[in-house]
N, C-alpha and C. Protein backbone atom coordinates (compact mmCIF):
# COMPACT_ATOMS: atom_id res chain seq x y z
N UNK A 1 76.04 -115.91 132.40
CA UNK A 1 74.66 -116.15 132.79
C UNK A 1 74.59 -117.34 133.72
N UNK A 2 73.86 -117.23 134.81
CA UNK A 2 73.66 -118.31 135.75
C UNK A 2 72.38 -119.06 135.40
N UNK A 3 72.50 -120.37 135.22
CA UNK A 3 71.35 -121.20 134.90
C UNK A 3 70.50 -121.40 136.17
N UNK A 4 69.21 -121.11 136.08
CA UNK A 4 68.28 -121.39 137.19
C UNK A 4 67.40 -122.56 136.78
N UNK A 5 67.66 -123.71 137.38
CA UNK A 5 66.96 -124.95 137.02
C UNK A 5 65.70 -125.08 137.87
N UNK A 6 64.56 -125.27 137.19
CA UNK A 6 63.29 -125.50 137.89
C UNK A 6 63.00 -126.99 138.06
N UNK A 7 63.51 -127.79 137.10
CA UNK A 7 63.27 -129.23 137.14
C UNK A 7 64.26 -129.90 136.21
N UNK A 8 64.67 -131.12 136.61
CA UNK A 8 65.62 -131.85 135.79
C UNK A 8 65.47 -133.34 136.02
N UNK A 9 65.40 -134.12 134.93
CA UNK A 9 65.51 -135.57 135.01
C UNK A 9 66.19 -136.04 133.73
N UNK A 10 66.13 -137.33 133.46
CA UNK A 10 66.83 -137.86 132.28
C UNK A 10 66.19 -137.45 130.97
N UNK A 11 64.98 -136.89 131.01
CA UNK A 11 64.23 -136.57 129.80
C UNK A 11 64.03 -135.07 129.60
N UNK A 12 63.98 -134.31 130.70
CA UNK A 12 63.62 -132.90 130.65
C UNK A 12 64.64 -132.03 131.38
N UNK A 13 64.75 -130.79 130.93
CA UNK A 13 65.45 -129.75 131.66
C UNK A 13 64.58 -128.50 131.55
N UNK A 14 64.07 -128.05 132.70
CA UNK A 14 63.19 -126.88 132.71
C UNK A 14 63.93 -125.74 133.40
N UNK A 15 64.01 -124.59 132.74
CA UNK A 15 64.78 -123.46 133.22
C UNK A 15 63.90 -122.24 133.43
N UNK A 16 64.37 -121.33 134.27
CA UNK A 16 63.76 -120.02 134.43
C UNK A 16 64.62 -119.04 133.63
N UNK A 17 64.17 -118.71 132.44
CA UNK A 17 64.96 -117.91 131.52
C UNK A 17 65.07 -116.45 131.98
N UNK A 18 66.28 -115.88 131.96
CA UNK A 18 66.43 -114.46 132.28
C UNK A 18 66.13 -113.58 131.06
N UNK A 19 65.99 -112.30 131.30
CA UNK A 19 65.75 -111.34 130.20
C UNK A 19 67.03 -111.11 129.42
N UNK A 20 66.87 -110.79 128.15
CA UNK A 20 68.00 -110.41 127.31
C UNK A 20 68.78 -111.56 126.73
N UNK A 21 68.26 -112.78 126.84
CA UNK A 21 68.95 -113.96 126.34
C UNK A 21 68.07 -114.65 125.29
N UNK A 22 68.62 -114.86 124.11
CA UNK A 22 67.88 -115.57 123.07
C UNK A 22 67.80 -117.04 123.41
N UNK A 23 66.68 -117.67 123.10
CA UNK A 23 66.56 -119.11 123.33
C UNK A 23 67.58 -119.86 122.50
N UNK A 24 67.74 -119.44 121.25
CA UNK A 24 68.65 -120.10 120.32
C UNK A 24 69.12 -119.06 119.30
N UNK A 25 70.28 -119.29 118.71
CA UNK A 25 70.73 -118.44 117.61
C UNK A 25 71.12 -117.04 118.02
N UNK A 26 71.80 -116.90 119.15
CA UNK A 26 72.23 -115.58 119.60
C UNK A 26 73.33 -115.04 118.70
N UNK A 27 73.49 -113.71 118.69
CA UNK A 27 74.56 -113.09 117.91
C UNK A 27 75.91 -113.55 118.44
N UNK A 28 76.92 -113.43 117.58
CA UNK A 28 78.26 -113.87 117.94
C UNK A 28 78.73 -113.18 119.22
N UNK A 29 79.21 -113.98 120.15
CA UNK A 29 79.69 -113.43 121.41
C UNK A 29 78.63 -113.29 122.48
N UNK A 30 77.37 -113.58 122.13
CA UNK A 30 76.28 -113.50 123.09
C UNK A 30 75.66 -114.90 123.23
N UNK A 31 76.01 -115.58 124.29
CA UNK A 31 75.57 -116.96 124.45
C UNK A 31 74.07 -117.08 124.54
N UNK A 32 73.51 -118.06 123.84
CA UNK A 32 72.07 -118.31 123.90
C UNK A 32 71.75 -119.18 125.11
N UNK A 33 70.47 -119.31 125.41
CA UNK A 33 70.05 -120.13 126.53
C UNK A 33 70.43 -121.58 126.32
N UNK A 34 70.25 -122.09 125.11
CA UNK A 34 70.56 -123.50 124.88
C UNK A 34 72.06 -123.74 124.95
N UNK A 35 72.88 -122.79 124.54
CA UNK A 35 74.33 -122.93 124.68
C UNK A 35 74.71 -123.05 126.15
N UNK A 36 74.12 -122.18 126.97
CA UNK A 36 74.42 -122.20 128.40
C UNK A 36 73.92 -123.47 129.06
N UNK A 37 72.75 -123.95 128.62
CA UNK A 37 72.20 -125.17 129.18
C UNK A 37 73.07 -126.38 128.84
N UNK A 38 73.57 -126.44 127.62
CA UNK A 38 74.47 -127.53 127.24
C UNK A 38 75.74 -127.50 128.08
N UNK A 39 76.29 -126.31 128.29
CA UNK A 39 77.50 -126.18 129.09
C UNK A 39 77.24 -126.62 130.53
N UNK A 40 76.07 -126.27 131.06
CA UNK A 40 75.70 -126.69 132.40
C UNK A 40 75.68 -128.22 132.52
N UNK A 41 75.06 -128.90 131.55
CA UNK A 41 74.98 -130.35 131.58
C UNK A 41 76.35 -130.99 131.39
N UNK A 42 77.17 -130.42 130.52
CA UNK A 42 78.52 -130.97 130.31
C UNK A 42 79.32 -130.92 131.60
N UNK A 43 79.25 -129.83 132.31
CA UNK A 43 80.01 -129.69 133.55
C UNK A 43 79.46 -130.57 134.66
N UNK A 44 78.14 -130.60 134.79
CA UNK A 44 77.53 -131.35 135.88
C UNK A 44 77.77 -132.85 135.74
N UNK A 45 77.67 -133.35 134.50
CA UNK A 45 77.78 -134.79 134.29
C UNK A 45 79.10 -135.20 133.64
N UNK A 46 80.03 -134.25 133.55
CA UNK A 46 81.38 -134.52 133.03
C UNK A 46 81.33 -135.19 131.65
N UNK A 47 80.51 -134.61 130.77
CA UNK A 47 80.36 -135.16 129.43
C UNK A 47 81.42 -134.55 128.52
N UNK A 48 82.27 -135.36 127.90
CA UNK A 48 83.35 -134.81 127.07
C UNK A 48 82.89 -134.37 125.67
N UNK A 49 81.83 -134.97 125.16
CA UNK A 49 81.39 -134.69 123.80
C UNK A 49 80.21 -133.75 123.75
N UNK A 50 79.49 -133.80 122.63
CA UNK A 50 78.31 -132.96 122.45
C UNK A 50 77.17 -133.43 123.37
N UNK A 51 76.39 -132.47 123.81
CA UNK A 51 75.23 -132.75 124.67
C UNK A 51 73.97 -132.47 123.87
N UNK A 52 73.07 -133.46 123.81
CA UNK A 52 71.81 -133.25 123.09
C UNK A 52 70.83 -132.45 123.94
N UNK A 53 70.25 -131.41 123.33
CA UNK A 53 69.13 -130.68 123.91
C UNK A 53 68.21 -130.27 122.77
N UNK A 54 66.95 -130.59 122.88
CA UNK A 54 65.99 -130.23 121.86
C UNK A 54 65.10 -129.09 122.30
N UNK A 55 64.95 -128.10 121.42
CA UNK A 55 64.07 -126.96 121.70
C UNK A 55 62.67 -127.31 121.21
N UNK A 56 61.71 -127.29 122.12
CA UNK A 56 60.33 -127.63 121.76
C UNK A 56 59.40 -126.42 121.82
N UNK A 57 59.88 -125.32 122.40
CA UNK A 57 59.16 -124.04 122.38
C UNK A 57 60.18 -122.95 122.66
N UNK A 58 59.80 -121.71 122.41
CA UNK A 58 60.74 -120.60 122.57
C UNK A 58 60.09 -119.46 123.35
N UNK A 59 60.96 -118.67 123.97
CA UNK A 59 60.55 -117.39 124.55
C UNK A 59 61.35 -116.29 123.87
N UNK A 60 60.69 -115.15 123.61
CA UNK A 60 61.40 -114.01 123.04
C UNK A 60 62.56 -113.62 123.95
N UNK A 61 63.59 -113.05 123.39
CA UNK A 61 64.77 -112.68 124.18
C UNK A 61 64.41 -111.77 125.35
N UNK A 62 63.45 -110.86 125.15
CA UNK A 62 63.09 -109.89 126.19
C UNK A 62 62.20 -110.47 127.28
N UNK A 63 61.70 -111.69 127.07
CA UNK A 63 60.73 -112.31 127.98
C UNK A 63 61.45 -113.24 128.96
N UNK A 64 60.96 -113.31 130.19
CA UNK A 64 61.52 -114.19 131.21
C UNK A 64 60.57 -115.35 131.48
N UNK A 65 61.09 -116.35 132.23
CA UNK A 65 60.20 -117.37 132.74
C UNK A 65 60.49 -118.79 132.32
N UNK A 66 59.51 -119.66 132.58
CA UNK A 66 59.67 -121.11 132.43
C UNK A 66 59.76 -121.53 130.97
N UNK A 67 60.78 -122.34 130.69
CA UNK A 67 60.95 -122.90 129.35
C UNK A 67 61.47 -124.32 129.50
N UNK A 68 60.93 -125.24 128.70
CA UNK A 68 61.30 -126.64 128.80
C UNK A 68 62.16 -127.05 127.62
N UNK A 69 63.21 -127.80 127.90
CA UNK A 69 64.10 -128.36 126.89
C UNK A 69 64.08 -129.88 127.01
N UNK A 70 64.23 -130.57 125.89
CA UNK A 70 64.21 -132.03 125.88
C UNK A 70 65.63 -132.57 125.90
N UNK A 71 65.87 -133.56 126.75
CA UNK A 71 67.21 -134.13 126.86
C UNK A 71 67.41 -135.37 125.99
N UNK A 72 66.33 -135.84 125.35
CA UNK A 72 66.43 -136.96 124.41
C UNK A 72 65.59 -136.65 123.19
N UNK A 73 65.90 -137.31 122.08
CA UNK A 73 65.13 -137.08 120.86
C UNK A 73 63.70 -137.60 121.02
N UNK A 74 63.51 -138.69 121.77
CA UNK A 74 62.16 -139.19 122.01
C UNK A 74 61.33 -138.16 122.78
N UNK A 75 61.91 -137.59 123.81
CA UNK A 75 61.20 -136.57 124.58
C UNK A 75 60.90 -135.35 123.72
N UNK A 76 61.85 -134.97 122.85
CA UNK A 76 61.64 -133.81 121.98
C UNK A 76 60.46 -134.03 121.04
N UNK A 77 60.36 -135.21 120.46
CA UNK A 77 59.27 -135.52 119.55
C UNK A 77 57.92 -135.47 120.27
N UNK A 78 57.87 -136.06 121.45
CA UNK A 78 56.60 -136.11 122.19
C UNK A 78 56.22 -134.73 122.74
N UNK A 79 57.19 -133.98 123.23
CA UNK A 79 56.89 -132.63 123.73
C UNK A 79 56.43 -131.71 122.61
N UNK A 80 57.08 -131.79 121.46
CA UNK A 80 56.68 -130.98 120.31
C UNK A 80 55.23 -131.26 119.95
N UNK A 81 54.86 -132.54 119.96
CA UNK A 81 53.48 -132.91 119.65
C UNK A 81 52.52 -132.36 120.71
N UNK A 82 52.92 -132.38 121.96
CA UNK A 82 52.08 -131.84 123.03
C UNK A 82 51.83 -130.34 122.85
N UNK A 83 52.88 -129.60 122.50
CA UNK A 83 52.70 -128.17 122.26
C UNK A 83 51.80 -127.94 121.06
N UNK A 84 51.97 -128.72 120.02
CA UNK A 84 51.20 -128.53 118.79
C UNK A 84 49.73 -128.89 118.96
N UNK A 85 49.44 -129.81 119.84
CA UNK A 85 48.06 -130.29 120.00
C UNK A 85 47.36 -129.69 121.22
N UNK A 86 47.98 -128.71 121.85
CA UNK A 86 47.33 -128.01 122.95
C UNK A 86 47.31 -128.75 124.27
N UNK A 87 48.21 -129.71 124.47
CA UNK A 87 48.25 -130.43 125.73
C UNK A 87 49.05 -129.71 126.81
N UNK A 88 49.73 -128.64 126.43
CA UNK A 88 50.54 -127.87 127.37
C UNK A 88 49.79 -126.61 127.74
N UNK A 89 49.62 -126.38 129.04
CA UNK A 89 48.99 -125.14 129.49
C UNK A 89 50.08 -124.12 129.80
N UNK A 90 49.99 -122.95 129.20
CA UNK A 90 51.01 -121.91 129.34
C UNK A 90 50.38 -120.67 129.96
N UNK A 91 50.83 -120.33 131.16
CA UNK A 91 50.30 -119.18 131.88
C UNK A 91 51.38 -118.12 132.02
N UNK A 92 51.04 -116.91 131.63
CA UNK A 92 51.98 -115.78 131.69
C UNK A 92 51.44 -114.72 132.64
N UNK A 93 52.36 -113.94 133.20
CA UNK A 93 52.02 -112.70 133.88
C UNK A 93 52.59 -111.55 133.07
N UNK A 94 51.80 -110.50 132.96
CA UNK A 94 52.23 -109.30 132.25
C UNK A 94 51.79 -108.07 133.02
N UNK A 95 52.66 -107.07 133.08
CA UNK A 95 52.27 -105.76 133.58
C UNK A 95 52.14 -104.85 132.37
N UNK A 96 50.95 -104.25 132.23
CA UNK A 96 50.65 -103.45 131.05
C UNK A 96 50.35 -102.01 131.44
N UNK A 97 50.50 -101.12 130.47
CA UNK A 97 50.12 -99.73 130.65
C UNK A 97 48.59 -99.63 130.65
N UNK A 98 48.04 -98.84 131.56
CA UNK A 98 46.60 -98.64 131.59
C UNK A 98 45.86 -99.86 132.10
N UNK A 99 44.59 -99.99 131.68
CA UNK A 99 43.73 -101.09 132.11
C UNK A 99 42.98 -101.65 130.91
N UNK A 100 42.71 -102.95 130.98
CA UNK A 100 41.91 -103.59 129.94
C UNK A 100 40.45 -103.65 130.38
N UNK A 101 39.57 -103.40 129.43
CA UNK A 101 38.14 -103.53 129.66
C UNK A 101 37.57 -104.48 128.62
N UNK A 102 36.79 -105.49 129.04
CA UNK A 102 36.48 -105.82 130.43
C UNK A 102 37.70 -106.37 131.16
N UNK A 103 37.59 -106.55 132.47
CA UNK A 103 38.74 -106.99 133.25
C UNK A 103 39.10 -108.45 133.00
N UNK A 104 38.18 -109.20 132.47
CA UNK A 104 38.43 -110.59 132.07
C UNK A 104 37.87 -110.79 130.68
N UNK A 105 38.60 -111.47 129.83
CA UNK A 105 38.10 -111.66 128.48
C UNK A 105 39.00 -112.55 127.64
N UNK A 106 38.58 -112.71 126.40
CA UNK A 106 39.33 -113.52 125.44
C UNK A 106 39.68 -112.66 124.24
N UNK A 107 40.88 -112.83 123.73
CA UNK A 107 41.33 -112.10 122.54
C UNK A 107 41.52 -113.09 121.40
N UNK A 108 40.90 -112.79 120.27
CA UNK A 108 41.05 -113.61 119.07
C UNK A 108 41.43 -112.69 117.92
N UNK A 109 42.58 -112.90 117.33
CA UNK A 109 43.06 -112.06 116.23
C UNK A 109 43.79 -112.93 115.22
N UNK A 110 43.79 -112.45 113.98
CA UNK A 110 44.61 -113.07 112.95
C UNK A 110 45.89 -112.27 112.84
N UNK A 111 47.02 -112.97 112.95
CA UNK A 111 48.32 -112.31 112.98
C UNK A 111 49.16 -112.71 111.78
N UNK A 112 49.99 -111.78 111.37
CA UNK A 112 50.91 -112.02 110.25
C UNK A 112 52.17 -111.20 110.47
N UNK A 113 53.30 -111.72 110.03
CA UNK A 113 54.55 -110.98 110.16
C UNK A 113 54.67 -109.97 109.04
N UNK A 114 54.92 -108.72 109.39
CA UNK A 114 55.15 -107.66 108.41
C UNK A 114 56.66 -107.48 108.27
N UNK A 115 57.21 -107.98 107.17
CA UNK A 115 58.66 -107.93 106.96
C UNK A 115 59.16 -106.51 106.83
N UNK A 116 58.33 -105.62 106.31
CA UNK A 116 58.76 -104.23 106.15
C UNK A 116 58.92 -103.55 107.50
N UNK A 117 57.98 -103.79 108.40
CA UNK A 117 58.04 -103.20 109.73
C UNK A 117 58.87 -104.02 110.71
N UNK A 118 59.21 -105.26 110.32
CA UNK A 118 59.95 -106.18 111.18
C UNK A 118 59.24 -106.44 112.51
N UNK A 119 57.93 -106.66 112.40
CA UNK A 119 57.15 -107.01 113.57
C UNK A 119 55.89 -107.73 113.13
N UNK A 120 55.16 -108.28 114.10
CA UNK A 120 53.93 -108.99 113.82
C UNK A 120 52.77 -108.01 113.96
N UNK A 121 51.78 -108.12 113.06
CA UNK A 121 50.64 -107.20 113.07
C UNK A 121 49.34 -107.98 112.96
N UNK A 122 48.25 -107.34 113.40
CA UNK A 122 46.91 -107.92 113.23
C UNK A 122 46.48 -107.73 111.78
N UNK A 123 45.92 -108.78 111.20
CA UNK A 123 45.56 -108.74 109.78
C UNK A 123 44.15 -109.27 109.57
N UNK A 124 43.73 -109.29 108.32
CA UNK A 124 42.45 -109.90 107.96
C UNK A 124 42.62 -111.42 107.90
N UNK A 125 41.57 -112.18 108.17
CA UNK A 125 41.69 -113.64 108.13
C UNK A 125 42.14 -114.18 106.78
N UNK A 126 41.75 -113.47 105.71
CA UNK A 126 42.07 -113.98 104.37
C UNK A 126 43.47 -113.61 103.90
N UNK A 127 44.21 -112.83 104.70
CA UNK A 127 45.56 -112.42 104.30
C UNK A 127 46.46 -113.65 104.21
N UNK A 128 47.32 -113.67 103.20
CA UNK A 128 48.22 -114.80 103.01
C UNK A 128 49.15 -114.96 104.22
N UNK A 129 49.17 -116.15 104.79
CA UNK A 129 50.04 -116.43 105.92
C UNK A 129 49.45 -116.07 107.27
N UNK A 130 48.24 -115.52 107.31
CA UNK A 130 47.64 -115.13 108.58
C UNK A 130 47.29 -116.37 109.41
N UNK A 131 47.54 -116.27 110.73
CA UNK A 131 47.27 -117.37 111.64
C UNK A 131 46.43 -116.85 112.81
N UNK A 132 45.46 -117.66 113.22
CA UNK A 132 44.60 -117.27 114.33
C UNK A 132 45.36 -117.36 115.65
N UNK A 133 45.24 -116.32 116.47
CA UNK A 133 45.88 -116.28 117.79
C UNK A 133 44.80 -116.08 118.84
N UNK A 134 44.84 -116.90 119.87
CA UNK A 134 43.83 -116.85 120.92
C UNK A 134 44.48 -116.87 122.29
N UNK A 135 44.01 -115.99 123.16
CA UNK A 135 44.43 -116.00 124.56
C UNK A 135 43.27 -115.56 125.44
N UNK A 136 43.33 -115.97 126.69
CA UNK A 136 42.37 -115.53 127.70
C UNK A 136 43.14 -114.78 128.76
N UNK A 137 42.59 -113.65 129.22
CA UNK A 137 43.27 -112.86 130.23
C UNK A 137 42.31 -112.56 131.38
N UNK A 138 42.91 -112.29 132.54
CA UNK A 138 42.14 -111.76 133.67
C UNK A 138 43.01 -110.77 134.44
N UNK A 139 42.40 -109.74 134.93
CA UNK A 139 43.11 -108.72 135.69
C UNK A 139 43.31 -109.20 137.12
N UNK A 140 44.55 -109.16 137.58
CA UNK A 140 44.85 -109.58 138.94
C UNK A 140 44.81 -108.40 139.92
N UNK A 141 45.47 -107.30 139.56
CA UNK A 141 45.47 -106.13 140.44
C UNK A 141 46.16 -104.96 139.76
N UNK A 142 45.94 -103.77 140.30
CA UNK A 142 46.72 -102.60 139.91
C UNK A 142 48.05 -102.64 140.64
N UNK A 143 49.12 -102.27 139.95
CA UNK A 143 50.46 -102.22 140.53
C UNK A 143 51.06 -100.86 140.18
N UNK A 144 52.14 -100.45 140.87
CA UNK A 144 52.77 -99.18 140.52
C UNK A 144 53.17 -99.13 139.04
N UNK A 145 52.58 -98.19 138.32
CA UNK A 145 52.92 -98.00 136.91
C UNK A 145 52.11 -98.80 135.92
N UNK A 146 51.14 -99.59 136.40
CA UNK A 146 50.37 -100.36 135.43
C UNK A 146 49.39 -101.33 136.07
N UNK A 147 49.04 -102.37 135.31
CA UNK A 147 48.07 -103.37 135.74
C UNK A 147 48.65 -104.76 135.51
N UNK A 148 48.52 -105.61 136.52
CA UNK A 148 49.02 -106.98 136.41
C UNK A 148 47.93 -107.88 135.83
N UNK A 149 48.27 -108.57 134.75
CA UNK A 149 47.35 -109.51 134.10
C UNK A 149 47.90 -110.92 134.20
N UNK A 150 46.98 -111.89 134.26
CA UNK A 150 47.34 -113.29 134.09
C UNK A 150 46.77 -113.75 132.75
N UNK A 151 47.60 -114.39 131.97
CA UNK A 151 47.22 -114.74 130.60
C UNK A 151 47.35 -116.24 130.39
N UNK A 152 46.27 -116.84 129.92
CA UNK A 152 46.26 -118.24 129.53
C UNK A 152 46.42 -118.28 128.01
N UNK A 153 47.58 -118.70 127.57
CA UNK A 153 47.90 -118.66 126.14
C UNK A 153 47.37 -119.92 125.46
N UNK A 154 46.42 -119.74 124.57
CA UNK A 154 45.78 -120.89 123.92
C UNK A 154 46.50 -121.30 122.63
N UNK A 155 47.16 -120.37 121.98
CA UNK A 155 47.96 -120.69 120.79
C UNK A 155 49.38 -120.17 121.04
N UNK A 156 50.30 -120.47 120.14
CA UNK A 156 51.69 -120.09 120.37
C UNK A 156 52.28 -119.33 119.21
N UNK A 157 51.66 -118.23 118.83
CA UNK A 157 52.15 -117.43 117.70
C UNK A 157 53.28 -116.50 118.13
N UNK A 158 54.12 -116.16 117.19
CA UNK A 158 55.25 -115.26 117.46
C UNK A 158 54.75 -113.91 117.97
N UNK A 159 55.29 -113.46 119.11
CA UNK A 159 54.96 -112.16 119.72
C UNK A 159 53.48 -112.01 120.04
N UNK A 160 52.77 -113.13 120.16
CA UNK A 160 51.31 -113.08 120.25
C UNK A 160 50.79 -112.20 121.38
N UNK A 161 51.26 -112.44 122.60
CA UNK A 161 50.74 -111.67 123.74
C UNK A 161 51.03 -110.19 123.55
N UNK A 162 52.22 -109.88 123.12
CA UNK A 162 52.63 -108.48 122.96
C UNK A 162 51.76 -107.76 121.93
N UNK A 163 51.48 -108.43 120.82
CA UNK A 163 50.68 -107.83 119.76
C UNK A 163 49.23 -107.68 120.17
N UNK A 164 48.65 -108.73 120.73
CA UNK A 164 47.22 -108.70 121.06
C UNK A 164 46.91 -107.71 122.16
N UNK A 165 47.77 -107.59 123.17
CA UNK A 165 47.52 -106.61 124.21
C UNK A 165 47.72 -105.19 123.68
N UNK A 166 48.75 -104.97 122.88
CA UNK A 166 48.98 -103.64 122.31
C UNK A 166 47.82 -103.21 121.43
N UNK A 167 47.24 -104.16 120.71
CA UNK A 167 46.10 -103.86 119.83
C UNK A 167 44.92 -103.32 120.63
N UNK A 168 44.86 -103.66 121.90
CA UNK A 168 43.76 -103.21 122.77
C UNK A 168 44.17 -102.08 123.69
N UNK A 169 45.28 -101.44 123.37
CA UNK A 169 45.73 -100.28 124.12
C UNK A 169 46.36 -100.59 125.46
N UNK A 170 46.83 -101.83 125.64
CA UNK A 170 47.45 -102.24 126.90
C UNK A 170 48.83 -102.81 126.62
N UNK A 171 49.75 -101.96 126.21
CA UNK A 171 51.10 -102.39 125.86
C UNK A 171 51.82 -102.94 127.08
N UNK A 172 52.60 -104.00 126.88
CA UNK A 172 53.44 -104.52 127.94
C UNK A 172 54.52 -103.50 128.27
N UNK A 173 54.71 -103.23 129.56
CA UNK A 173 55.70 -102.24 129.97
C UNK A 173 57.07 -102.56 129.37
N UNK A 174 57.69 -101.52 128.82
CA UNK A 174 59.02 -101.67 128.24
C UNK A 174 59.04 -102.16 126.81
N UNK A 175 57.88 -102.54 126.26
CA UNK A 175 57.86 -103.13 124.92
C UNK A 175 57.74 -102.03 123.86
N UNK A 176 58.83 -101.32 123.65
CA UNK A 176 58.83 -100.21 122.70
C UNK A 176 58.50 -100.66 121.28
N UNK A 177 58.85 -101.88 120.95
CA UNK A 177 58.58 -102.41 119.61
C UNK A 177 57.10 -102.37 119.28
N UNK A 178 56.26 -102.54 120.31
CA UNK A 178 54.81 -102.56 120.10
C UNK A 178 54.10 -101.40 120.78
N UNK A 179 54.82 -100.28 120.93
CA UNK A 179 54.16 -99.04 121.30
C UNK A 179 54.20 -98.63 122.75
N UNK A 180 54.89 -99.37 123.62
CA UNK A 180 54.93 -98.99 125.03
C UNK A 180 55.69 -97.68 125.20
N UNK A 181 55.21 -96.86 126.11
CA UNK A 181 55.87 -95.58 126.41
C UNK A 181 56.71 -95.66 127.68
N UNK A 182 56.23 -96.42 128.66
CA UNK A 182 56.94 -96.51 129.94
C UNK A 182 58.14 -97.45 129.82
N UNK A 183 59.26 -97.09 130.46
CA UNK A 183 60.45 -97.95 130.39
C UNK A 183 60.35 -99.14 131.35
N UNK A 184 61.08 -100.19 131.05
CA UNK A 184 61.23 -101.34 131.93
C UNK A 184 62.52 -102.03 131.53
N UNK A 185 63.32 -102.38 132.51
CA UNK A 185 64.61 -103.01 132.19
C UNK A 185 65.03 -103.91 133.34
N UNK A 186 65.65 -105.06 133.00
CA UNK A 186 65.96 -105.54 131.66
C UNK A 186 64.75 -106.21 131.00
N UNK A 187 64.73 -106.23 129.68
CA UNK A 187 63.66 -106.88 128.94
C UNK A 187 62.36 -106.11 129.00
N UNK A 188 61.25 -106.86 129.04
CA UNK A 188 59.92 -106.28 129.14
C UNK A 188 59.18 -106.99 130.27
N UNK A 189 58.06 -106.42 130.72
CA UNK A 189 57.34 -106.97 131.87
C UNK A 189 56.39 -108.09 131.45
N UNK A 190 56.97 -109.14 130.88
CA UNK A 190 56.22 -110.32 130.45
C UNK A 190 56.99 -111.55 130.92
N UNK A 191 56.30 -112.40 131.69
CA UNK A 191 56.97 -113.51 132.38
C UNK A 191 56.16 -114.79 132.19
N UNK A 192 56.80 -115.84 131.68
CA UNK A 192 56.16 -117.16 131.55
C UNK A 192 56.09 -117.77 132.95
N UNK A 193 54.96 -117.58 133.60
CA UNK A 193 54.82 -117.89 135.02
C UNK A 193 54.73 -119.38 135.31
N UNK A 194 53.98 -120.12 134.49
CA UNK A 194 53.72 -121.52 134.81
C UNK A 194 53.55 -122.36 133.54
N UNK A 195 54.10 -123.57 133.57
CA UNK A 195 53.89 -124.56 132.52
C UNK A 195 53.30 -125.81 133.15
N UNK A 196 52.25 -126.34 132.52
CA UNK A 196 51.68 -127.62 132.93
C UNK A 196 51.68 -128.54 131.71
N UNK A 197 52.27 -129.73 131.87
CA UNK A 197 52.35 -130.65 130.74
C UNK A 197 52.50 -132.08 131.23
N UNK A 198 52.07 -133.05 130.40
CA UNK A 198 52.30 -134.45 130.75
C UNK A 198 53.78 -134.80 130.55
N UNK A 199 54.32 -135.58 131.48
CA UNK A 199 55.70 -136.03 131.29
C UNK A 199 55.77 -136.84 129.99
N UNK A 200 56.74 -136.57 129.13
CA UNK A 200 56.76 -137.21 127.81
C UNK A 200 56.99 -138.72 127.85
N UNK A 201 57.46 -139.26 128.96
CA UNK A 201 57.70 -140.70 129.06
C UNK A 201 56.78 -141.35 130.08
N UNK A 202 56.71 -140.77 131.27
CA UNK A 202 55.92 -141.39 132.34
C UNK A 202 54.45 -141.02 132.30
N UNK A 203 54.13 -139.88 131.71
CA UNK A 203 52.74 -139.51 131.50
C UNK A 203 52.08 -138.68 132.58
N UNK A 204 52.65 -138.62 133.80
CA UNK A 204 51.99 -137.86 134.87
C UNK A 204 52.06 -136.36 134.58
N UNK A 205 51.08 -135.63 135.09
CA UNK A 205 51.01 -134.20 134.86
C UNK A 205 52.05 -133.48 135.73
N UNK A 206 52.85 -132.63 135.11
CA UNK A 206 53.87 -131.86 135.80
C UNK A 206 53.49 -130.38 135.75
N UNK A 207 53.87 -129.65 136.79
CA UNK A 207 53.66 -128.21 136.82
C UNK A 207 54.96 -127.53 137.26
N UNK A 208 55.36 -126.53 136.49
CA UNK A 208 56.59 -125.80 136.78
C UNK A 208 56.25 -124.32 136.97
N UNK A 209 56.57 -123.79 138.15
CA UNK A 209 56.29 -122.40 138.47
C UNK A 209 57.61 -121.64 138.49
N UNK A 210 57.69 -120.57 137.70
CA UNK A 210 58.92 -119.79 137.60
C UNK A 210 58.85 -118.56 138.50
N UNK A 211 59.76 -118.44 139.48
CA UNK A 211 59.79 -117.24 140.32
C UNK A 211 60.00 -115.98 139.47
N UNK A 212 59.44 -114.88 139.95
CA UNK A 212 59.57 -113.61 139.23
C UNK A 212 61.01 -113.10 139.32
N UNK A 213 61.48 -112.42 138.28
CA UNK A 213 62.83 -111.85 138.33
C UNK A 213 62.91 -110.65 139.28
N UNK A 214 64.13 -110.29 139.64
CA UNK A 214 64.35 -109.17 140.55
C UNK A 214 63.73 -107.88 140.03
N UNK A 215 63.70 -107.70 138.72
CA UNK A 215 63.19 -106.46 138.12
C UNK A 215 61.71 -106.22 138.44
N UNK A 216 60.99 -107.26 138.86
CA UNK A 216 59.57 -107.12 139.17
C UNK A 216 59.32 -106.64 140.60
N UNK A 217 60.36 -106.49 141.38
CA UNK A 217 60.18 -106.04 142.76
C UNK A 217 59.56 -104.65 142.84
N UNK A 218 59.74 -103.87 141.80
CA UNK A 218 59.17 -102.52 141.79
C UNK A 218 57.65 -102.52 141.87
N UNK A 219 57.03 -103.68 141.55
CA UNK A 219 55.57 -103.76 141.56
C UNK A 219 55.03 -104.18 142.93
N UNK A 220 55.90 -104.38 143.90
CA UNK A 220 55.45 -104.80 145.22
C UNK A 220 55.48 -106.31 145.37
N UNK A 221 54.91 -106.79 146.47
CA UNK A 221 54.88 -108.22 146.78
C UNK A 221 53.79 -108.88 145.94
N UNK A 222 54.20 -109.71 144.98
CA UNK A 222 53.24 -110.36 144.08
C UNK A 222 53.15 -111.86 144.30
N UNK A 223 54.16 -112.45 144.87
CA UNK A 223 54.17 -113.92 145.02
C UNK A 223 53.73 -114.33 146.43
């Protein structure tokens, strides 16, 4: 796997994650993103020992796009707090089957993991372990095979975008786990397009834009 670096300093490493790579904890013989990132830093800076990298957020293996890693424990603590308190703006692009009505709106659902089905499902608010998930979406345009949406993710629940869109009949292309019929490879048509966050040490607002993967060329010129 080739590391695509979007930004790097003494505190942060921001990458454009490819499809099919777990952020952490990959199966034996399948390198995770953090393993590859550590190897990249070891080679670049000729570090003989272990390299510290802290995971402050994750992307599903099938999802592409911008992901930030912390290069110090201080940065990891501050970034984790930023994600938890809503200081990080997370914008995604998704190509979905069909169209959403209305074309702009907000989705609010209570989600819970169903261990029997091995996926996340919409539940009642009073269900044990249920967590509120909120996102805002807007339709950008029709593309070959679907509709391009821009999503402002307000919370960070597991599989949130995939579940909430599927619940409204707009499955992410290629996401067979949540009911998609149309194929898409590699991964699914969900991309973490942009991250905006305060620098954990200097405080200035940073913005990281992740270029679309080659697999999105089938949708035409989007950037």
